Amino acid sequence: MSTTERLIAYHLARLKDKNPQVRIASIRELALLEALNAYGALEAIYHTDPDPAVRKAAQEAGRALFRKKNAIER
């Protein structure tokens, strides 16, 4: 497993943290890492997280990843 893969796994695990600020920080890191495999997790957070700031961060990161994925596929 590469360092990037370990970082992505770490931040995916932190999406379940009880602290919303931790979840937001991990969402932003996943976007910076361009973790395309995190798109489904971000979508789930957008639909289910009780904190509006976390949902907004997930939406923004999901959009960025979606754009990145579409650029790669073209």
PDB file of N, CA and C in Angstrom:
ATOM      1  N   MET A   1       0.858  -1.177   0.000  1.00  0.00           N
ATOM      2  CA  MET A   1       0.000   0.000   0.000  1.00  0.00           C
ATOM      3  C   MET A   1       0.905   1.241   0.000  1.00  0.00           C
ATOM      4  N   SER A   2       0.628   2.163  -0.899  1.00  0.00           N
ATOM      5  CA  SER A   2       1.440   3.375  -0.997  1.00  0.00           C
ATOM      6  C   SER A   2       1.098   4.349   0.126  1.00  0.00           C
ATOM      7  N   THR A   3       1.937   5.340   0.277  1.00  0.00           N
ATOM      8  CA  THR A   3       1.704   6.374   1.289  1.00  0.00           C
ATOM      9  C   THR A   3       0.387   7.097   1.026  1.00  0.00           C
ATOM     10  N   THR A   4       0.131   7.405  -0.224  1.00  0.00           N
ATOM     11  CA  THR A   4      -1.120   8.093  -0.574  1.00  0.00           C
ATOM     12  C   THR A   4      -2.329   7.230  -0.231  1.00  0.00           C
ATOM     13  N   GLU A   5      -2.246   5.954  -0.535  1.00  0.00           N
ATOM     14  CA  GLU A   5      -3.351   5.041  -0.212  1.00  0.00           C
ATOM     15  C   GLU A   5      -3.578   4.963   1.296  1.00  0.00           C
ATOM     16  N   ARG A   6      -2.488   4.972   2.065  1.00  0.00           N
ATOM     17  CA  ARG A   6      -2.623   4.953   3.526  1.00  0.00           C
ATOM     18  C   ARG A   6      -3.256   6.250   4.036  1.00  0.00           C
ATOM     19  N   LEU A   7      -2.859   7.375   3.448  1.00  0.00           N
ATOM     20  CA  LEU A   7      -3.458   8.654   3.844  1.00  0.00           C
ATOM     21  C   LEU A   7      -4.954   8.688   3.540  1.00  0.00           C
ATOM     22  N   ILE A   8      -5.312   8.197   2.369  1.00  0.00           N
ATOM     23  CA  ILE A   8      -6.724   8.163   1.989  1.00  0.00           C
ATOM     24  C   ILE A   8      -7.503   7.274   2.953  1.00  0.00           C
ATOM     25  N   ALA A   9      -6.972   6.109   3.258  1.00  0.00           N
ATOM     26  CA  ALA A   9      -7.645   5.205   4.202  1.00  0.00           C
ATOM     27  C   ALA A   9      -7.789   5.860   5.572  1.00  0.00           C
ATOM     28  N   TYR A  10      -6.764   6.558   6.017  1.00  0.00           N
ATOM     29  CA  TYR A  10      -6.798   7.260   7.298  1.00  0.00           C
ATOM     30  C   TYR A  10      -7.921   8.298   7.319  1.00  0.00           C
ATOM     31  N   HIS A  11      -7.994   9.103   6.263  1.00  0.00           N
ATOM     32  CA  HIS A  11      -9.017  10.147   6.228  1.00  0.00           C
ATOM     33  C   HIS A  11     -10.421   9.574   6.030  1.00  0.00           C
ATOM     34  N   LEU A  12     -10.539   8.498   5.302  1.00  0.00           N
ATOM     35  CA  LEU A  12     -11.845   7.842   5.181  1.00  0.00           C
ATOM     36  C   LEU A  12     -12.324   7.357   6.546  1.00  0.00           C
ATOM     37  N   ALA A  13     -11.421   6.806   7.338  1.00  0.00           N
ATOM     38  CA  ALA A  13     -11.792   6.335   8.677  1.00  0.00           C
ATOM     39  C   ALA A  13     -12.215   7.507   9.569  1.00  0.00           C
ATOM     40  N   ARG A  14     -11.575   8.650   9.403  1.00  0.00           N
ATOM     41  CA  ARG A  14     -11.891   9.821  10.227  1.00  0.00           C
ATOM     42  C   ARG A  14     -13.237  10.462   9.866  1.00  0.00           C
ATOM     43  N   LEU A  15     -13.836  10.044   8.769  1.00  0.00           N
ATOM     44  CA  LEU A  15     -15.155  10.578   8.410  1.00  0.00           C
ATOM     45  C   LEU A  15     -16.217  10.145   9.407  1.00  0.00           C
ATOM     46  N   LYS A  16     -15.899   9.160  10.252  1.00  0.00           N
ATOM     47  CA  LYS A  16     -16.849   8.678  11.258  1.00  0.00           C
ATOM     48  C   LYS A  16     -16.580   9.271  12.637  1.00  0.00           C
ATOM     49  N   ASP A  17     -15.615  10.189  12.735  1.00  0.00           N
ATOM     50  CA  ASP A  17     -15.279  10.805  14.018  1.00  0.00           C
ATOM     51  C   ASP A  17     -16.472  11.594  14.545  1.00  0.00           C
ATOM     52  N   LYS A  18     -16.616  11.653  15.876  1.00  0.00           N
ATOM     53  CA  LYS A  18     -17.755  12.371  16.454  1.00  0.00           C
ATOM     54  C   LYS A  18     -17.600  13.891  16.346  1.00  0.00           C
ATOM     55  N   ASN A  19     -16.372  14.373  16.159  1.00  0.00           N
ATOM     56  CA  ASN A  19     -16.113  15.804  16.063  1.00  0.00           C
ATOM     57  C   ASN A  19     -16.299  16.282  14.621  1.00  0.00           C
ATOM     58  N   PRO A  20     -17.237  17.206  14.381  1.00  0.00           N
ATOM     59  CA  PRO A  20     -17.477  17.678  13.012  1.00  0.00           C
ATOM     60  C   PRO A  20     -16.245  18.332  12.382  1.00  0.00           C
ATOM     61  N   GLN A  21     -15.421  18.999  13.187  1.00  0.00           N
ATOM     62  CA  GLN A  21     -14.227  19.643  12.631  1.00  0.00           C
ATOM     63  C   GLN A  21     -13.230  18.614  12.101  1.00  0.00           C
ATOM     64  N   VAL A  22     -13.152  17.484  12.754  1.00  0.00           N
ATOM     65  CA  VAL A  22     -12.283  16.392  12.282  1.00  0.00           C
ATOM     66  C   VAL A  22     -12.821  15.861  10.960  1.00  0.00           C
ATOM     67  N   ARG A  23     -14.137  15.689  10.880  1.00  0.00           N
ATOM     68  CA  ARG A  23     -14.739  15.202   9.629  1.00  0.00           C
ATOM     69  C   ARG A  23     -14.491  16.193   8.487  1.00  0.00           C
ATOM     70  N   ILE A  24     -14.662  17.478   8.765  1.00  0.00           N
ATOM     71  CA  ILE A  24     -14.446  18.504   7.736  1.00  0.00           C
ATOM     72  C   ILE A  24     -12.989  18.500   7.279  1.00  0.00           C
ATOM     73  N   ALA A  25     -12.058  18.428   8.218  1.00  0.00           N
ATOM     74  CA  ALA A  25     -10.631  18.411   7.859  1.00  0.00           C
ATOM     75  C   ALA A  25     -10.316  17.211   6.973  1.00  0.00           C
ATOM     76  N   SER A  26     -10.869  16.056   7.288  1.00  0.00           N
ATOM     77  CA  SER A  26     -10.612  14.859   6.480  1.00  0.00           C
ATOM     78  C   SER A  26     -11.255  14.964   5.103  1.00  0.00           C
ATOM     79  N   ILE A  27     -12.418  15.551   5.040  1.00  0.00           N
ATOM     80  CA  ILE A  27     -13.075  15.764   3.736  1.00  0.00           C
ATOM     81  C   ILE A  27     -12.196  16.633   2.857  1.00  0.00           C
ATOM     82  N   ARG A  28     -11.675  17.703   3.416  1.00  0.00           N
ATOM     83  CA  ARG A  28     -10.809  18.612   2.643  1.00  0.00           C
ATOM     84  C   ARG A  28      -9.524  17.909   2.206  1.00  0.00           C
ATOM     85  N   GLU A  29      -8.974  17.091   3.077  1.00  0.00           N
ATOM     86  CA  GLU A  29      -7.763  16.346   2.721  1.00  0.00           C
ATOM     87  C   GLU A  29      -8.036  15.356   1.592  1.00  0.00           C
ATOM     88  N   LEU A  30      -9.180  14.700   1.637  1.00  0.00           N
ATOM     89  CA  LEU A  30      -9.523  13.763   0.566  1.00  0.00           C
ATOM     90  C   LEU A  30      -9.628  14.482  -0.775  1.00  0.00           C
ATOM     91  N   ALA A  31     -10.164  15.698  -0.758  1.00  0.00           N
ATOM     92  CA  ALA A  31     -10.252  16.479  -1.997  1.00  0.00           C
ATOM     93  C   ALA A  31      -8.851  16.854  -2.478  1.00  0.00           C
ATOM     94  N   LEU A  32      -7.993  17.277  -1.554  1.00  0.00           N
ATOM     95  CA  LEU A  32      -6.621  17.643  -1.929  1.00  0.00           C
ATOM     96  C   LEU A  32      -5.846  16.452  -2.479  1.00  0.00           C
ATOM     97  N   LEU A  33      -6.112  15.283  -1.924  1.00  0.00           N
ATOM     98  CA  LEU A  33      -5.455  14.056  -2.385  1.00  0.00           C
ATOM     99  C   LEU A  33      -6.058  13.533  -3.690  1.00  0.00           C
ATOM    100  N   GLU A  34      -7.121  14.183  -4.137  1.00  0.00           N
ATOM    101  CA  GLU A  34      -7.855  13.754  -5.333  1.00  0.00           C
ATOM    102  C   GLU A  34      -8.238  12.284  -5.238  1.00  0.00           C
ATOM    103  N   ALA A  35      -8.797  11.930  -4.091  1.00  0.00           N
ATOM    104  CA  ALA A  35      -9.174  10.551  -3.790  1.00  0.00           C
ATOM    105  C   ALA A  35     -10.499  10.210  -4.471  1.00  0.00           C
ATOM    106  N   LEU A  36     -10.408   9.837  -5.723  1.00  0.00           N
ATOM    107  CA  LEU A  36     -11.618   9.537  -6.490  1.00  0.00           C
ATOM    108  C   LEU A  36     -12.414   8.397  -5.878  1.00  0.00           C
ATOM    109  N   ASN A  37     -11.743   7.488  -5.196  1.00  0.00           N
ATOM    110  CA  ASN A  37     -12.454   6.372  -4.565  1.00  0.00           C
ATOM    111  C   ASN A  37     -13.231   6.808  -3.325  1.00  0.00           C
ATOM    112  N   ALA A  38     -13.083   8.059  -2.900  1.00  0.00           N
ATOM    113  CA  ALA A  38     -13.816   8.568  -1.741  1.00  0.00           C
ATOM    114  C   ALA A  38     -15.146   9.199  -2.136  1.00  0.00           C
ATOM    115  N   TYR A  39     -15.422   9.271  -3.426  1.00  0.00           N
ATOM    116  CA  TYR A  39     -16.633   9.952  -3.891  1.00  0.00           C
ATOM    117  C   TYR A  39     -17.905   9.378  -3.257  1.00  0.00           C
ATOM    118  N   GLY A  40     -18.019   8.079  -3.195  1.00  0.00           N
ATOM    119  CA  GLY A  40     -19.212   7.443  -2.610  1.00  0.00           C
ATOM    120  C   GLY A  40     -19.369   7.771  -1.139  1.00  0.00           C
ATOM    121  N   ALA A  41     -18.266   7.775  -0.407  1.00  0.00           N
ATOM    122  CA  ALA A  41     -18.312   8.107   1.024  1.00  0.00           C
ATOM    123  C   ALA A  41     -18.729   9.556   1.215  1.00  0.00           C
ATOM    124  N   LEU A  42     -18.224  10.443   0.369  1.00  0.00           N
ATOM    125  CA  LEU A  42     -18.600  11.860   0.474  1.00  0.00           C
ATOM    126  C   LEU A  42     -20.074  12.066   0.143  1.00  0.00           C
ATOM    127  N   GLU A  43     -20.549  11.321  -0.828  1.00  0.00           N
ATOM    128  CA  GLU A  43     -21.968  11.408  -1.190  1.00  0.00           C
ATOM    129  C   GLU A  43     -22.844  10.957  -0.011  1.00  0.00           C
ATOM    130  N   ALA A  44     -22.442   9.882   0.639  1.00  0.00           N
ATOM    131  CA  ALA A  44     -23.196   9.388   1.796  1.00  0.00           C
ATOM    132  C   ALA A  44     -23.197  10.420   2.923  1.00  0.00           C
ATOM    133  N   ILE A  45     -22.063  11.041   3.168  1.00  0.00           N
ATOM    134  CA  ILE A  45     -21.992  12.072   4.211  1.00  0.00           C
ATOM    135  C   ILE A  45     -22.886  13.244   3.857  1.00  0.00           C
ATOM    136  N   TYR A  46     -22.863  13.637   2.596  1.00  0.00           N
ATOM    137  CA  TYR A  46     -23.707  14.751   2.153  1.00  0.00           C
ATOM    138  C   TYR A  46     -25.183  14.479   2.450  1.00  0.00           C
ATOM    139  N   HIS A  47     -25.593  13.235   2.300  1.00  0.00           N
ATOM    140  CA  HIS A  47     -27.002  12.891   2.508  1.00  0.00           C
ATOM    141  C   HIS A  47     -27.363  12.577   3.962  1.00  0.00           C
ATOM    142  N   THR A  48     -26.370  12.239   4.798  1.00  0.00           N
ATOM    143  CA  THR A  48     -26.723  11.731   6.123  1.00  0.00           C
ATOM    144  C   THR A  48     -26.125  12.465   7.318  1.00  0.00           C
ATOM    145  N   ASP A  49     -25.069  13.249   7.127  1.00  0.00           N
ATOM    146  CA  ASP A  49     -24.409  13.865   8.293  1.00  0.00           C
ATOM    147  C   ASP A  49     -25.340  14.885   8.945  1.00  0.00           C
ATOM    148  N   PRO A  50     -25.404  14.892  10.283  1.00  0.00           N
ATOM    149  CA  PRO A  50     -26.292  15.822  10.974  1.00  0.00           C
ATOM    150  C   PRO A  50     -25.784  17.272  10.979  1.00  0.00           C
ATOM    151  N   ASP A  51     -24.504  17.481  10.690  1.00  0.00           N
ATOM    152  CA  ASP A  51     -23.925  18.826  10.752  1.00  0.00           C
ATOM    153  C   ASP A  51     -23.945  19.489   9.369  1.00  0.00           C
ATOM    154  N   PRO A  52     -24.596  20.654   9.239  1.00  0.00           N
ATOM    155  CA  PRO A  52     -24.685  21.306   7.927  1.00  0.00           C
ATOM    156  C   PRO A  52     -23.321  21.704   7.350  1.00  0.00           C
ATOM    157  N   ALA A  53     -22.361  22.071   8.198  1.00  0.00           N
ATOM    158  CA  ALA A  53     -21.031  22.445   7.702  1.00  0.00           C
ATOM    159  C   ALA A  53     -20.311  21.234   7.118  1.00  0.00           C
ATOM    160  N   VAL A  54     -20.507  20.083   7.716  1.00  0.00           N
ATOM    161  CA  VAL A  54     -19.904  18.848   7.204  1.00  0.00           C
ATOM    162  C   VAL A  54     -20.546  18.486   5.867  1.00  0.00           C
ATOM    163  N   ARG A  55     -21.860  18.608   5.792  1.00  0.00           N
ATOM    164  CA  ARG A  55     -22.553  18.316   4.524  1.00  0.00           C
ATOM    165  C   ARG A  55     -22.069  19.239   3.414  1.00  0.00           C
ATOM    166  N   LYS A  56     -21.893  20.523   3.731  1.00  0.00           N
ATOM    167  CA  LYS A  56     -21.424  21.486   2.732  1.00  0.00           C
ATOM    168  C   LYS A  56     -20.010  21.145   2.276  1.00  0.00           C
ATOM    169  N   ALA A  57     -19.133  20.799   3.203  1.00  0.00           N
ATOM    170  CA  ALA A  57     -17.765  20.411   2.847  1.00  0.00           C
ATOM    171  C   ALA A  57     -17.771  19.169   1.962  1.00  0.00           C
ATOM    172  N   ALA A  58     -18.625  18.204   2.290  1.00  0.00           N
ATOM    173  CA  ALA A  58     -18.725  16.981   1.490  1.00  0.00           C
ATOM    174  C   ALA A  58     -19.234  17.299   0.084  1.00  0.00           C
ATOM    175  N   GLN A  59     -20.183  18.203  -0.005  1.00  0.00           N
ATOM    176  CA  GLN A  59     -20.721  18.595  -1.308  1.00  0.00           C
ATOM    177  C   GLN A  59     -19.625  19.247  -2.159  1.00  0.00           C
ATOM    178  N   GLU A  60     -18.881  20.173  -1.568  1.00  0.00           N
ATOM    179  CA  GLU A  60     -17.823  20.869  -2.307  1.00  0.00           C
ATOM    180  C   GLU A  60     -16.726  19.898  -2.753  1.00  0.00           C
ATOM    181  N   ALA A  61     -16.317  19.030  -1.849  1.00  0.00           N
ATOM    182  CA  ALA A  61     -15.274  18.051  -2.189  1.00  0.00           C
ATOM    183  C   ALA A  61     -15.781  17.072  -3.244  1.00  0.00           C
ATOM    184  N   GLY A  62     -17.017  16.642  -3.104  1.00  0.00           N
ATOM    185  CA  GLY A  62     -17.598  15.729  -4.078  1.00  0.00           C
ATOM    186  C   GLY A  62     -17.658  16.339  -5.466  1.00  0.00           C
ATOM    187  N   ARG A  63     -18.018  17.612  -5.520  1.00  0.00           N
ATOM    188  CA  ARG A  63     -18.046  18.292  -6.824  1.00  0.00           C
ATOM    189  C   ARG A  63     -16.656  18.361  -7.437  1.00  0.00           C
ATOM    190  N   ALA A  64     -15.657  18.688  -6.614  1.00  0.00           N
ATOM    191  CA  ALA A  64     -14.280  18.770  -7.114  1.00  0.00           C
ATOM    192  C   ALA A  64     -13.818  17.409  -7.636  1.00  0.00           C
ATOM    193  N   LEU A  65     -14.115  16.346  -6.898  1.00  0.00           N
ATOM    194  CA  LEU A  65     -13.727  15.010  -7.339  1.00  0.00           C
ATOM    195  C   LEU A  65     -14.475  14.596  -8.600  1.00  0.00           C
ATOM    196  N   PHE A  66     -15.744  14.984  -8.687  1.00  0.00           N
ATOM    197  CA  PHE A  66     -16.543  14.667  -9.860  1.00  0.00           C
ATOM    198  C   PHE A  66     -15.941  15.338 -11.096  1.00  0.00           C
ATOM    199  N   ARG A  67     -15.553  16.613 -10.962  1.00  0.00           N
ATOM    200  CA  ARG A  67     -14.941  17.339 -12.079  1.00  0.00           C
ATOM    201  C   ARG A  67     -13.609  16.679 -12.470  1.00  0.00           C
ATOM    202  N   LYS A  68     -12.833  16.289 -11.484  1.00  0.00           N
ATOM    203  CA  LYS A  68     -11.554  15.643 -11.747  1.00  0.00           C
ATOM    204  C   LYS A  68     -11.777  14.320 -12.489  1.00  0.00           C
ATOM    205  N   LYS A  69     -12.743  13.542 -12.032  1.00  0.00           N
ATOM    206  CA  LYS A  69     -13.034  12.261 -12.676  1.00  0.00           C
ATOM    207  C   LYS A  69     -13.465  12.465 -14.127  1.00  0.00           C
ATOM    208  N   ASN A  70     -14.309  13.446 -14.374  1.00  0.00           N
ATOM    209  CA  ASN A  70     -14.760  13.710 -15.732  1.00  0.00           C
ATOM    210  C   ASN A  70     -13.616  14.190 -16.617  1.00  0.00           C
ATOM    211  N   ALA A  71     -12.693  14.953 -16.062  1.00  0.00           N
ATOM    212  CA  ALA A  71     -11.548  15.428 -16.848  1.00  0.00           C
ATOM    213  C   ALA A  71     -10.650  14.257 -17.236  1.00  0.00           C
ATOM    214  N   ILE A  72     -10.498  13.292 -16.363  1.00  0.00           N
ATOM    215  CA  ILE A  72      -9.673  12.117 -16.643  1.00  0.00           C
ATOM    216  C   ILE A  72     -10.303  11.251 -17.724  1.00  0.00           C
ATOM    217  N   GLU A  73     -11.628  11.138 -17.696  1.00  0.00           N
ATOM    218  CA  GLU A  73     -12.331  10.260 -18.630  1.00  0.00           C
ATOM    219  C   GLU A  73     -12.404  10.844 -20.036  1.00  0.00           C
ATOM    220  N   ARG A  74     -12.135  12.108 -20.189  1.00  0.00           N
ATOM    221  CA  ARG A  74     -12.237  12.735 -21.526  1.00  0.00           C
ATOM    222  C   ARG A  74     -11.045  12.504 -22.330  1.00  0.00           C
TER     223      ARG A  74
END
